Amino acid sequence: MFRTFLIASLAASPVMAQDQAGADSSAPPQRVSSVLLYGDESCPKAESPDEVVICARPGDSPFRIPKALRKTEPGPEGTSWVRRAELVDEVNRATLPGSCSPIGSYGQSGCTVRMLQQWKAEMKAKKDEEAAMPRGSELDD
């Protein structure tokens, strides 16, 4: 009978030890700190035994877009609707009025406009060139 009691007490001692330790460890920590680390920062130490500090390194910089969200190849799904509309206008401009093209209706109407724009650009370039040249009175000084 003594043997049975001894075996039972030895078998129950780990359970009793777990209950005593479990009472202390089952309580949640008083303070939990989550810290994001960038660059060469080091994880701060806990100020007390009741504090847990969790550190993580999310990336290079807090101001950069994460690599998973960065777009490396341009594609149609990444093009804005405004740019798509501009592309359609550029393609269709050859057949619209004012295009100076033999294709489409009123294509010839843009030839005069284009010629006047070219003349104006040439006159502006000539005026800028003359303004850059030194005058005779400036050479005498």
Protein backbone atom coordinates (compact mmCIF):
# COMPACT_ATOMS: atom_id res chain seq x y z
CA MET A 1 0.00 0.00 0.00
CA PHE A 2 2.91 2.28 0.76
CA ARG A 3 4.33 1.51 -2.66
CA THR A 4 1.09 2.47 -4.35
CA PHE A 5 0.98 5.74 -2.44
CA LEU A 6 4.60 6.48 -3.38
CA ILE A 7 4.03 5.75 -7.07
CA ALA A 8 0.85 7.87 -7.10
CA SER A 9 2.61 10.81 -5.41
CA LEU A 10 5.55 10.64 -7.84
CA ALA A 11 3.22 10.52 -10.82
CA ALA A 12 1.20 13.49 -9.54
CA SER A 13 4.19 15.71 -8.71
CA PRO A 14 4.72 16.98 -12.35
CA VAL A 15 1.02 17.80 -12.56
CA MET A 16 1.17 19.76 -9.33
CA ALA A 17 4.30 21.59 -10.54
CA GLN A 18 2.55 22.48 -13.79
CA ASP A 19 -0.45 23.85 -11.92
CA GLN A 20 1.75 26.07 -9.78
CA ALA A 21 3.78 27.32 -12.74
CA GLY A 22 0.66 27.59 -14.90
CA ALA A 23 -0.98 29.95 -12.44
CA ASP A 24 1.85 32.45 -12.95
CA SER A 25 2.35 32.01 -16.70
CA SER A 26 -1.34 31.99 -17.64
CA ALA A 27 -1.73 35.66 -16.75
CA PRO A 28 -1.30 37.90 -19.81
CA PRO A 29 1.59 40.36 -19.81
CA GLN A 30 0.78 43.80 -18.45
CA ARG A 31 2.20 45.58 -21.50
CA VAL A 32 2.78 44.50 -25.12
CA SER A 33 4.79 46.74 -27.47
CA SER A 34 4.92 46.25 -31.25
CA VAL A 35 7.84 48.03 -32.90
CA LEU A 36 8.67 48.37 -36.63
CA LEU A 37 12.41 48.59 -37.26
CA TYR A 38 14.01 50.30 -40.28
CA GLY A 39 17.64 50.33 -41.35
CA ASP A 40 20.12 49.51 -38.57
CA GLU A 41 17.73 50.07 -35.66
CA SER A 42 17.88 47.53 -32.86
CA CYS A 43 14.99 46.05 -30.93
CA PRO A 44 14.41 47.86 -27.60
CA LYS A 45 14.66 45.81 -24.40
CA ALA A 46 11.66 45.19 -22.17
CA GLU A 47 11.49 47.62 -19.26
CA SER A 48 9.98 45.09 -16.84
CA PRO A 49 9.36 41.33 -16.68
CA ASP A 50 5.65 41.94 -17.31
CA GLU A 51 6.36 43.57 -20.69
CA VAL A 52 6.64 41.84 -24.08
CA VAL A 53 8.36 43.64 -26.98
CA ILE A 54 7.63 42.43 -30.54
CA CYS A 55 9.96 43.69 -33.28
CA ALA A 56 9.53 43.40 -37.05
CA ARG A 57 11.44 44.64 -40.12
CA PRO A 58 8.85 45.49 -42.82
CA GLY A 59 11.23 46.91 -45.43
CA ASP A 60 13.84 49.46 -46.38
CA SER A 61 12.03 52.66 -45.53
CA PRO A 62 8.64 53.62 -44.12
CA PHE A 63 8.14 55.94 -47.10
CA ARG A 64 8.73 53.41 -49.89
CA ILE A 65 6.06 51.36 -51.60
CA PRO A 66 6.43 47.68 -50.62
CA LYS A 67 8.13 45.53 -53.27
CA ALA A 68 5.01 43.39 -53.67
CA LEU A 69 3.03 46.46 -54.76
CA ARG A 70 5.65 47.99 -57.05
CA LYS A 71 4.91 47.67 -60.74
CA THR A 72 7.91 46.64 -62.82
CA GLU A 73 6.42 46.24 -66.29
CA PRO A 74 4.08 48.81 -67.81
CA GLY A 75 0.95 47.25 -69.15
CA PRO A 76 -2.55 48.17 -70.24
CA GLU A 77 -3.99 47.32 -66.82
CA GLY A 78 -1.73 49.94 -65.23
CA THR A 79 -2.62 52.70 -67.72
CA SER A 80 -5.07 55.36 -66.56
CA TRP A 81 -8.30 55.97 -68.43
CA VAL A 82 -7.19 59.52 -69.23
CA ARG A 83 -4.07 58.24 -71.02
CA ARG A 84 -6.16 55.62 -72.86
CA ALA A 85 -8.50 58.36 -74.10
CA GLU A 86 -5.50 60.46 -75.21
CA LEU A 87 -4.12 57.49 -77.18
CA VAL A 88 -7.46 56.98 -78.93
CA ASP A 89 -7.54 60.71 -79.82
CA GLU A 90 -3.97 60.55 -81.19
CA VAL A 91 -4.78 57.56 -83.39
CA ASN A 92 -8.04 59.05 -84.67
CA ARG A 93 -6.60 62.55 -85.19
CA ALA A 94 -5.37 61.59 -88.67
CA THR A 95 -8.97 61.32 -89.92
CA LEU A 96 -10.44 64.28 -88.03
CA PRO A 97 -10.94 67.81 -89.36
CA GLY A 98 -7.81 69.92 -89.01
CA SER A 99 -5.42 66.98 -89.48
CA CYS A 100 -3.80 68.01 -92.79
CA SER A 101 -4.23 64.52 -94.14
CA PRO A 102 -5.64 63.23 -97.44
CA ILE A 103 -7.54 60.65 -95.38
CA GLY A 104 -10.96 61.48 -93.96
CA SER A 105 -13.28 64.43 -94.30
CA TYR A 106 -11.88 67.96 -93.97
CA GLY A 107 -8.32 66.64 -93.74
CA GLN A 108 -7.00 69.51 -95.85
CA SER A 109 -8.35 72.12 -93.41
CA GLY A 110 -5.46 71.52 -90.99
CA CYS A 111 -2.75 72.21 -93.59
CA THR A 112 -3.24 76.00 -93.39
CA VAL A 113 -3.23 75.91 -89.59
CA ARG A 114 -0.04 73.82 -89.54
CA MET A 115 1.63 76.15 -92.06
CA LEU A 116 0.77 79.24 -89.94
CA GLN A 117 2.06 77.55 -86.76
CA GLN A 118 5.33 76.69 -88.51
CA TRP A 119 5.72 80.28 -89.81
CA LYS A 120 5.08 81.67 -86.30
CA ALA A 121 7.70 79.33 -84.79
CA GLU A 122 10.25 80.41 -87.43
CA MET A 123 9.59 84.10 -86.75
CA LYS A 124 9.99 83.58 -83.02
CA ALA A 125 13.29 81.70 -83.54
CA LYS A 126 14.54 84.50 -85.82
CA LYS A 127 13.57 87.16 -83.25
CA ASP A 128 15.30 85.24 -80.44
CA GLU A 129 18.43 84.86 -82.56
CA GLU A 130 18.52 88.61 -83.30
CA ALA A 131 18.04 89.41 -79.61
CA ALA A 132 21.01 87.22 -78.74
CA MET A 133 23.33 89.08 -81.16
CA PRO A 134 25.22 92.06 -79.72
CA ARG A 135 24.35 95.44 -81.22
CA GLY A 136 26.85 97.93 -82.62
CA SER A 137 26.47 100.28 -79.60
CA GLU A 138 27.17 97.38 -77.22
CA LEU A 139 30.45 96.62 -79.05
CA ASP A 140 31.69 100.22 -78.64
CA ASP A 141 31.47 100.08 -74.81
